[in-house]
Amino acid sequence: MKTFEGRVAVVTGAAQGIGYAIAQKLLEEKLSKLAVLDWNGEAATAAAESLKAVNPDAEILAVQCNIADEANVNAAFAEIEEKLGGVDVLVNNAGITRDIMFHKMNFQQWDSVLKVNLYGTYNCCKAVMQGMRDRCYGRIVNISSTVAYGNAGQANYSATKGAIVSLTKTLAKEGARKNITVNAIAPHAIDTAMMRSVPPEVLESVMNNHVMKRLGKPEEVAALVAFLANEEAGYVSGTHIDCSGADRT
């Protein structure tokens, strides 16, 4: 597999968890320039400092950004392009949950998840798409979820992740002739702070009922992202790949 030398990548929600693991993997594959984008500016800065040890030759930029805010996203990506150059690889990883049964869900709980997960993905894709088309090159990887297939108590989250799959497949068709691939990955039960925040009995049940009897690792998602984001994966586009350990129930 080719390295990412000479490439500019943006990873959203990169201060921790899956996003951090993705950033680390790309740097291990000799990524030249990376923007660590997160709503928490201090966390983004700390992550960028930590990641420098992975690839000392890379330029790493920490960017505070609320991806739900279009103006904020446009300003952030303008800064990235000015300091690092045109974006070659975009990984839309940032997301939130507000889990509650639908009959108890209020509009704020519904709306906040849509704004971050779906509108945030739209805002970031929109910010890079024209530049990718102009340069006839781009790799976009959207982090969906197996919850896209539905899950009780997550109507808001499920709706966003299902919509991201449809967006992915549409953008893949629109970008095909410009050498832009767009793919989605659907993780299931990955060992992150978000997953560890669920009640212990729920976490234990998830692991006990899983065919592998364990949670997935952020690094296992990151490895798949690195493949899809690579130049050599140019004929893989419009896919929605489960990263679920053969169990997406």
C-alpha atoms as a PDB file:
ATOM      1  CA  MET A   1       0.000   0.000   0.000  1.00  0.00           C
ATOM      2  CA  LYS A   2       1.285   3.471  -0.849  1.00  0.00           C
ATOM      3  CA  THR A   3       2.102   5.836   1.961  1.00  0.00           C
ATOM      4  CA  PHE A   4       0.348   9.158   2.487  1.00  0.00           C
ATOM      5  CA  GLU A   5       3.457  11.212   1.780  1.00  0.00           C
ATOM      6  CA  GLY A   6       2.538  14.539   0.200  1.00  0.00           C
ATOM      7  CA  ARG A   7      -1.097  14.267   1.287  1.00  0.00           C
ATOM      8  CA  VAL A   8      -3.154  16.609   3.458  1.00  0.00           C
ATOM      9  CA  ALA A   9      -5.774  15.016   5.709  1.00  0.00           C
ATOM     10  CA  VAL A  10      -8.478  16.298   8.032  1.00  0.00           C
ATOM     11  CA  VAL A  11      -9.918  14.077  10.757  1.00  0.00           C
ATOM     12  CA  THR A  12     -12.905  15.404  12.680  1.00  0.00           C
ATOM     13  CA  GLY A  13     -13.423  14.445  16.304  1.00  0.00           C
ATOM     14  CA  ALA A  14      -9.739  13.547  16.351  1.00  0.00           C
ATOM     15  CA  ALA A  15      -8.956  14.475  19.948  1.00  0.00           C
ATOM     16  CA  GLN A  16      -9.849  11.042  21.312  1.00  0.00           C
ATOM     17  CA  GLY A  17     -11.231   7.583  20.608  1.00  0.00           C
ATOM     18  CA  ILE A  18     -11.682   6.417  17.032  1.00  0.00           C
ATOM     19  CA  GLY A  19     -10.715   9.804  15.604  1.00  0.00           C
ATOM     20  CA  TYR A  20      -7.395   9.851  17.435  1.00  0.00           C
ATOM     21  CA  ALA A  21      -6.653   6.277  16.340  1.00  0.00           C
ATOM     22  CA  ILE A  22      -7.377   7.250  12.714  1.00  0.00           C
ATOM     23  CA  ALA A  23      -5.076  10.266  12.926  1.00  0.00           C
ATOM     24  CA  GLN A  24      -2.347   8.106  14.458  1.00  0.00           C
ATOM     25  CA  LYS A  25      -2.685   5.439  11.760  1.00  0.00           C
ATOM     26  CA  LEU A  26      -2.450   7.965   8.921  1.00  0.00           C
ATOM     27  CA  LEU A  27       0.666   9.468  10.482  1.00  0.00           C
ATOM     28  CA  GLU A  28       2.182   5.999  10.846  1.00  0.00           C
ATOM     29  CA  GLU A  29       1.616   5.663   7.095  1.00  0.00           C
ATOM     30  CA  LYS A  30       3.768   8.780   6.552  1.00  0.00           C
ATOM     31  CA  LEU A  31       0.991  11.348   6.146  1.00  0.00           C
ATOM     32  CA  SER A  32       2.651  14.699   5.444  1.00  0.00           C
ATOM     33  CA  LYS A  33       0.063  17.127   6.807  1.00  0.00           C
ATOM     34  CA  LEU A  34      -2.760  16.593   9.290  1.00  0.00           C
ATOM     35  CA  ALA A  35      -5.490  18.809  10.721  1.00  0.00           C
ATOM     36  CA  VAL A  36      -6.767  17.576  14.079  1.00  0.00           C
ATOM     37  CA  LEU A  37     -10.265  19.022  14.171  1.00  0.00           C
ATOM     38  CA  ASP A  38     -12.390  18.931  17.325  1.00  0.00           C
ATOM     39  CA  TRP A  39     -15.030  21.036  19.074  1.00  0.00           C
ATOM     40  CA  ASN A  40     -12.757  21.130  22.144  1.00  0.00           C
ATOM     41  CA  GLY A  41      -9.806  23.326  21.196  1.00  0.00           C
ATOM     42  CA  GLU A  42      -7.697  22.405  24.215  1.00  0.00           C
ATOM     43  CA  ALA A  43      -8.204  18.699  23.561  1.00  0.00           C
ATOM     44  CA  ALA A  44      -7.335  19.179  19.884  1.00  0.00           C
ATOM     45  CA  THR A  45      -4.112  20.958  20.832  1.00  0.00           C
ATOM     46  CA  ALA A  46      -3.169  18.231  23.316  1.00  0.00           C
ATOM     47  CA  ALA A  47      -3.878  15.527  20.732  1.00  0.00           C
ATOM     48  CA  ALA A  48      -1.798  17.330  18.101  1.00  0.00           C
ATOM     49  CA  GLU A  49       1.124  17.583  20.515  1.00  0.00           C
ATOM     50  CA  SER A  50       0.873  13.893  21.359  1.00  0.00           C
ATOM     51  CA  LEU A  51       0.654  12.875  17.713  1.00  0.00           C
ATOM     52  CA  LYS A  52       3.884  14.653  16.800  1.00  0.00           C
ATOM     53  CA  ALA A  53       5.797  11.741  18.293  1.00  0.00           C
ATOM     54  CA  VAL A  54       4.185   9.372  15.760  1.00  0.00           C
ATOM     55  CA  ASN A  55       5.615  11.199  12.745  1.00  0.00           C
ATOM     56  CA  PRO A  56       8.000  14.032  13.675  1.00  0.00           C
ATOM     57  CA  ASP A  57       8.316  15.081  10.028  1.00  0.00           C
ATOM     58  CA  ALA A  58       4.581  15.771   9.616  1.00  0.00           C
ATOM     59  CA  GLU A  59       2.932  19.152   9.944  1.00  0.00           C
ATOM     60  CA  ILE A  60       0.086  18.829  12.448  1.00  0.00           C
ATOM     61  CA  LEU A  61      -2.454  21.586  12.948  1.00  0.00           C
ATOM     62  CA  ALA A  62      -4.961  21.679  15.808  1.00  0.00           C
ATOM     63  CA  VAL A  63      -8.253  23.314  14.817  1.00  0.00           C
ATOM     64  CA  GLN A  64     -11.174  24.100  17.127  1.00  0.00           C
ATOM     65  CA  CYS A  65     -14.416  23.741  15.190  1.00  0.00           C
ATOM     66  CA  ASN A  66     -18.107  23.180  15.822  1.00  0.00           C
ATOM     67  CA  ILE A  67     -18.963  21.149  12.742  1.00  0.00           C
ATOM     68  CA  ALA A  68     -22.678  21.854  13.231  1.00  0.00           C
ATOM     69  CA  ASP A  69     -22.006  25.520  12.391  1.00  0.00           C
ATOM     70  CA  GLU A  70     -21.500  26.083   8.662  1.00  0.00           C
ATOM     71  CA  ALA A  71     -19.695  29.401   9.087  1.00  0.00           C
ATOM     72  CA  ASN A  72     -17.377  27.889  11.700  1.00  0.00           C
ATOM     73  CA  VAL A  73     -16.597  24.971   9.364  1.00  0.00           C
ATOM     74  CA  ASN A  74     -15.903  27.243   6.407  1.00  0.00           C
ATOM     75  CA  ALA A  75     -13.533  29.358   8.507  1.00  0.00           C
ATOM     76  CA  ALA A  76     -11.771  26.265   9.865  1.00  0.00           C
ATOM     77  CA  PHE A  77     -11.234  24.749   6.420  1.00  0.00           C
ATOM     78  CA  ALA A  78     -10.045  28.078   5.035  1.00  0.00           C
ATOM     79  CA  GLU A  79      -7.413  28.099   7.792  1.00  0.00           C
ATOM     80  CA  ILE A  80      -6.445  24.518   6.999  1.00  0.00           C
ATOM     81  CA  GLU A  81      -6.051  25.244   3.302  1.00  0.00           C
ATOM     82  CA  GLU A  82      -4.024  28.383   4.010  1.00  0.00           C
ATOM     83  CA  LYS A  83      -1.640  26.642   6.410  1.00  0.00           C
ATOM     84  CA  LEU A  84      -1.473  23.099   5.026  1.00  0.00           C
ATOM     85  CA  GLY A  85      -2.837  23.219   1.478  1.00  0.00           C
ATOM     86  CA  GLY A  86      -5.774  21.651  -0.312  1.00  0.00           C
ATOM     87  CA  VAL A  87      -7.385  18.733   1.487  1.00  0.00           C
ATOM     88  CA  ASP A  88      -6.804  15.314  -0.094  1.00  0.00           C
ATOM     89  CA  VAL A  89      -8.351  13.140   2.622  1.00  0.00           C
ATOM     90  CA  LEU A  90     -11.373  13.923   4.804  1.00  0.00           C
ATOM     91  CA  VAL A  91     -12.498  11.594   7.573  1.00  0.00           C
ATOM     92  CA  ASN A  92     -15.876  12.559   9.035  1.00  0.00           C
ATOM     93  CA  ASN A  93     -15.687  10.912  12.437  1.00  0.00           C
ATOM     94  CA  ALA A  94     -17.152  13.453  14.878  1.00  0.00           C
ATOM     95  CA  GLY A  95     -20.536  12.589  16.352  1.00  0.00           C
ATOM     96  CA  ILE A  96     -22.688  12.723  19.466  1.00  0.00           C
ATOM     97  CA  THR A  97     -25.455  10.660  21.047  1.00  0.00           C
ATOM     98  CA  ARG A  98     -28.530  11.699  23.018  1.00  0.00           C
ATOM     99  CA  ASP A  99     -30.049   8.282  23.653  1.00  0.00           C
ATOM    100  CA  ILE A 100     -33.656   7.992  24.804  1.00  0.00           C
ATOM    101  CA  MET A 101     -36.751   6.106  23.670  1.00  0.00           C
ATOM    102  CA  PHE A 102     -38.476   7.968  20.856  1.00  0.00           C
ATOM    103  CA  HIS A 103     -41.763   8.572  22.724  1.00  0.00           C
ATOM    104  CA  LYS A 104     -39.759  10.397  25.407  1.00  0.00           C
ATOM    105  CA  MET A 105     -37.429  12.242  23.037  1.00  0.00           C
ATOM    106  CA  ASN A 106     -37.787  16.010  22.852  1.00  0.00           C
ATOM    107  CA  PHE A 107     -36.971  18.134  19.822  1.00  0.00           C
ATOM    108  CA  GLN A 108     -33.682  19.395  21.261  1.00  0.00           C
ATOM    109  CA  GLN A 109     -32.450  15.816  21.703  1.00  0.00           C
ATOM    110  CA  TRP A 110     -33.453  15.029  18.132  1.00  0.00           C
ATOM    111  CA  ASP A 111     -32.160  18.242  16.606  1.00  0.00           C
ATOM    112  CA  SER A 112     -28.777  18.380  18.355  1.00  0.00           C
ATOM    113  CA  VAL A 113     -27.809  14.929  17.081  1.00  0.00           C
ATOM    114  CA  LEU A 114     -28.901  15.727  13.526  1.00  0.00           C
ATOM    115  CA  LYS A 115     -26.979  19.009  13.549  1.00  0.00           C
ATOM    116  CA  VAL A 116     -23.686  17.440  14.611  1.00  0.00           C
ATOM    117  CA  ASN A 117     -23.825  14.039  12.956  1.00  0.00           C
ATOM    118  CA  LEU A 118     -25.612  14.770   9.676  1.00  0.00           C
ATOM    119  CA  TYR A 119     -25.308  18.513   9.091  1.00  0.00           C
ATOM    120  CA  GLY A 120     -21.725  18.343  10.360  1.00  0.00           C
ATOM    121  CA  THR A 121     -20.889  15.704   7.761  1.00  0.00           C
ATOM    122  CA  TYR A 122     -22.589  17.817   5.095  1.00  0.00           C
ATOM    123  CA  ASN A 123     -20.687  20.951   6.150  1.00  0.00           C
ATOM    124  CA  CYS A 124     -17.296  19.245   6.032  1.00  0.00           C
ATOM    125  CA  CYS A 125     -17.941  17.460   2.732  1.00  0.00           C
ATOM    126  CA  LYS A 126     -19.168  20.704   1.221  1.00  0.00           C
ATOM    127  CA  ALA A 127     -16.034  22.522   2.403  1.00  0.00           C
ATOM    128  CA  VAL A 128     -13.671  20.160   0.538  1.00  0.00           C
ATOM    129  CA  MET A 129     -15.654  18.925  -2.445  1.00  0.00           C
ATOM    130  CA  GLN A 130     -14.992  21.752  -4.905  1.00  0.00           C
ATOM    131  CA  GLY A 131     -11.266  21.702  -4.204  1.00  0.00           C
ATOM    132  CA  MET A 132     -11.144  17.950  -4.693  1.00  0.00           C
ATOM    133  CA  ARG A 133     -13.009  18.295  -7.968  1.00  0.00           C
ATOM    134  CA  ASP A 134     -10.633  21.034  -9.134  1.00  0.00           C
ATOM    135  CA  ARG A 135      -7.590  18.863  -8.349  1.00  0.00           C
ATOM    136  CA  CYS A 136      -9.247  15.647  -9.628  1.00  0.00           C
ATOM    137  CA  TYR A 137      -8.395  13.775  -6.455  1.00  0.00           C
ATOM    138  CA  GLY A 138     -10.045  13.086  -3.128  1.00  0.00           C
ATOM    139  CA  ARG A 139     -10.737  10.470  -0.495  1.00  0.00           C
ATOM    140  CA  ILE A 140     -13.687  10.911   1.868  1.00  0.00           C
ATOM    141  CA  VAL A 141     -14.428   8.360   4.581  1.00  0.00           C
ATOM    142  CA  ASN A 142     -17.577   8.819   6.649  1.00  0.00           C
ATOM    143  CA  ILE A 143     -17.922   7.035   9.974  1.00  0.00           C
ATOM    144  CA  SER A 144     -21.439   5.646  10.104  1.00  0.00           C
ATOM    145  CA  SER A 145     -22.535   2.935  12.553  1.00  0.00           C
ATOM    146  CA  THR A 146     -24.295  -0.401  12.613  1.00  0.00           C
ATOM    147  CA  VAL A 147     -27.028   1.606  14.370  1.00  0.00           C
ATOM    148  CA  ALA A 148     -27.859   2.819  10.849  1.00  0.00           C
ATOM    149  CA  TYR A 149     -29.857  -0.429  10.669  1.00  0.00           C
ATOM    150  CA  GLY A 150     -31.928   0.657  13.683  1.00  0.00           C
ATOM    151  CA  ASN A 151     -31.618   0.361  17.448  1.00  0.00           C
ATOM    152  CA  ALA A 152     -34.133   0.988  20.225  1.00  0.00           C
ATOM    153  CA  GLY A 153     -33.466   4.195  22.123  1.00  0.00           C
ATOM    154  CA  GLN A 154     -31.401   5.705  19.328  1.00  0.00           C
ATOM    155  CA  ALA A 155     -33.895   6.982  16.764  1.00  0.00           C
ATOM    156  CA  ASN A 156     -32.017  10.276  16.386  1.00  0.00           C
ATOM    157  CA  TYR A 157     -28.563   8.674  16.085  1.00  0.00           C
ATOM    158  CA  SER A 158     -29.886   5.921  13.799  1.00  0.00           C
ATOM    159  CA  ALA A 159     -31.534   8.456  11.496  1.00  0.00           C
ATOM    160  CA  THR A 160     -28.279  10.371  11.084  1.00  0.00           C
ATOM    161  CA  LYS A 161     -26.168   7.311  10.446  1.00  0.00           C
ATOM    162  CA  GLY A 162     -28.625   5.938   7.897  1.00  0.00           C
ATOM    163  CA  ALA A 163     -28.671   9.305   6.134  1.00  0.00           C
ATOM    164  CA  ILE A 164     -24.874   9.347   6.060  1.00  0.00           C
ATOM    165  CA  VAL A 165     -24.938   6.046   4.169  1.00  0.00           C
ATOM    166  CA  SER A 166     -27.246   7.538   1.527  1.00  0.00           C
ATOM    167  CA  LEU A 167     -25.132  10.695   1.332  1.00  0.00           C
ATOM    168  CA  THR A 168     -22.006   8.579   0.914  1.00  0.00           C
ATOM    169  CA  LYS A 169     -23.439   6.602  -1.988  1.00  0.00           C
ATOM    170  CA  THR A 170     -24.682   9.752  -3.724  1.00  0.00           C
ATOM    171  CA  LEU A 171     -21.414  11.672  -3.361  1.00  0.00           C
ATOM    172  CA  ALA A 172     -19.536   8.618  -4.620  1.00  0.00           C
ATOM    173  CA  LYS A 173     -21.512   8.746  -7.862  1.00  0.00           C
ATOM    174  CA  GLU A 174     -21.052  12.504  -8.200  1.00  0.00           C
ATOM    175  CA  GLY A 175     -17.307  12.360  -7.565  1.00  0.00           C
ATOM    176  CA  ALA A 176     -16.474   9.262  -9.584  1.00  0.00           C
ATOM    177  CA  ARG A 177     -15.279  10.970 -12.775  1.00  0.00           C
ATOM    178  CA  LYS A 178     -13.110  13.347 -10.735  1.00  0.00           C
ATOM    179  CA  ASN A 179     -11.172  10.552  -9.000  1.00  0.00           C
ATOM    180  CA  ILE A 180     -12.956  11.214  -5.703  1.00  0.00           C
ATOM    181  CA  THR A 181     -13.961   8.171  -3.699  1.00  0.00           C
ATOM    182  CA  VAL A 182     -16.494   8.344  -0.886  1.00  0.00           C
ATOM    183  CA  ASN A 183     -17.018   5.420   1.470  1.00  0.00           C
ATOM    184  CA  ALA A 184     -18.594   4.765   4.850  1.00  0.00           C
ATOM    185  CA  ILE A 185     -17.597   2.494   7.718  1.00  0.00           C
ATOM    186  CA  ALA A 186     -20.104   1.122  10.221  1.00  0.00           C
ATOM    187  CA  PRO A 187     -18.387   0.295  13.525  1.00  0.00           C
ATOM    188  CA  HIS A 188     -20.181  -1.700  16.194  1.00  0.00           C
ATOM    189  CA  ALA A 189     -19.364  -1.696  19.927  1.00  0.00           C
ATOM    190  CA  ILE A 190     -15.905  -0.119  19.782  1.00  0.00           C
ATOM    191  CA  ASP A 191     -13.931   0.373  22.998  1.00  0.00           C
ATOM    192  CA  THR A 192     -14.132   4.153  23.364  1.00  0.00           C
ATOM    193  CA  ALA A 193     -15.025   6.590  26.139  1.00  0.00           C
ATOM    194  CA  MET A 194     -18.506   6.874  24.602  1.00  0.00           C
ATOM    195  CA  MET A 195     -18.980   3.117  24.779  1.00  0.00           C
ATOM    196  CA  ARG A 196     -17.565   2.913  28.298  1.00  0.00           C
ATOM    197  CA  SER A 197     -20.053   5.559  29.459  1.00  0.00           C
ATOM    198  CA  VAL A 198     -22.994   3.146  29.205  1.00  0.00           C
ATOM    199  CA  PRO A 199     -24.127   1.366  32.400  1.00  0.00           C
ATOM    200  CA  PRO A 200     -21.763  -1.504  33.351  1.00  0.00           C
ATOM    201  CA  GLU A 201     -24.504  -4.104  33.052  1.00  0.00           C
ATOM    202  CA  VAL A 202     -25.283  -2.950  29.511  1.00  0.00           C
ATOM    203  CA  LEU A 203     -21.606  -3.070  28.539  1.00  0.00           C
ATOM    204  CA  GLU A 204     -21.257  -6.553  29.987  1.00  0.00           C
ATOM    205  CA  SER A 205     -24.335  -7.691  28.077  1.00  0.00           C
ATOM    206  CA  VAL A 206     -22.957  -6.281  24.827  1.00  0.00           C
ATOM    207  CA  MET A 207     -19.704  -8.209  25.212  1.00  0.00           C
ATOM    208  CA  ASN A 208     -21.359 -11.413  26.398  1.00  0.00           C
ATOM    209  CA  ASN A 209     -23.768 -11.431  23.448  1.00  0.00           C
ATOM    210  CA  HIS A 210     -21.122 -10.613  20.857  1.00  0.00           C
ATOM    211  CA  VAL A 211     -19.808 -13.526  18.805  1.00  0.00           C
ATOM    212  CA  MET A 212     -16.213 -12.467  19.561  1.00  0.00           C
ATOM    213  CA  LYS A 213     -16.961 -11.796  23.246  1.00  0.00           C
ATOM    214  CA  ARG A 214     -15.136  -8.477  23.149  1.00  0.00           C
ATOM    215  CA  LEU A 215     -15.350  -4.871  22.065  1.00  0.00           C
ATOM    216  CA  GLY A 216     -13.692  -3.731  18.871  1.00  0.00           C
ATOM    217  CA  LYS A 217     -10.546  -1.627  19.044  1.00  0.00           C
ATOM    218  CA  PRO A 218     -10.308   1.917  17.643  1.00  0.00           C
ATOM    219  CA  GLU A 219      -7.153   0.773  15.843  1.00  0.00           C
ATOM    220  CA  GLU A 220      -9.182  -1.829  13.955  1.00  0.00           C
ATOM    221  CA  VAL A 221     -11.459   0.884  12.586  1.00  0.00           C
ATOM    222  CA  ALA A 222      -8.447   3.062  11.802  1.00  0.00           C
ATOM    223  CA  ALA A 223      -6.837   0.334   9.705  1.00  0.00           C
ATOM    224  CA  LEU A 224      -9.928   0.156   7.508  1.00  0.00           C
ATOM    225  CA  VAL A 225     -10.023   3.944   7.167  1.00  0.00           C
ATOM    226  CA  ALA A 226      -6.387   3.967   6.076  1.00  0.00           C
ATOM    227  CA  PHE A 227      -7.139   1.445   3.329  1.00  0.00           C
ATOM    228  CA  LEU A 228     -10.135   3.375   1.984  1.00  0.00           C
ATOM    229  CA  ALA A 229      -8.260   6.691   2.191  1.00  0.00           C
ATOM    230  CA  ASN A 230      -5.283   5.357   0.257  1.00  0.00           C
ATOM    231  CA  GLU A 231      -4.559   6.264  -3.339  1.00  0.00           C
ATOM    232  CA  GLU A 232      -4.536   2.583  -4.266  1.00  0.00           C
ATOM    233  CA  ALA A 233      -8.182   2.129  -3.237  1.00  0.00           C
ATOM    234  CA  GLY A 234      -9.285   4.203  -6.202  1.00  0.00           C
ATOM    235  CA  TYR A 235     -11.847   1.671  -7.444  1.00  0.00           C
ATOM    236  CA  VAL A 236     -13.542   1.260  -4.065  1.00  0.00           C
ATOM    237  CA  SER A 237     -16.288   3.834  -3.716  1.00  0.00           C
ATOM    238  CA  GLY A 238     -19.870   4.078  -2.521  1.00  0.00           C
ATOM    239  CA  THR A 239     -19.413   1.247  -0.034  1.00  0.00           C
ATOM    240  CA  HIS A 240     -20.795   0.899   3.499  1.00  0.00           C
ATOM    241  CA  ILE A 241     -18.549  -1.568   5.278  1.00  0.00           C
ATOM    242  CA  ASP A 242     -19.424  -3.153   8.619  1.00  0.00           C
ATOM    243  CA  CYS A 243     -16.625  -3.177  11.179  1.00  0.00           C
ATOM    244  CA  SER A 244     -18.593  -5.258  13.632  1.00  0.00           C
ATOM    245  CA  GLY A 245     -16.712  -8.474  14.312  1.00  0.00           C
ATOM    246  CA  ALA A 246     -19.386 -10.437  12.411  1.00  0.00           C
ATOM    247  CA  ASP A 247     -22.045  -9.221  14.837  1.00  0.00           C
ATOM    248  CA  ARG A 248     -24.160  -6.154  14.249  1.00  0.00           C
ATOM    249  CA  THR A 249     -27.147  -7.068  16.445  1.00  0.00           C
END
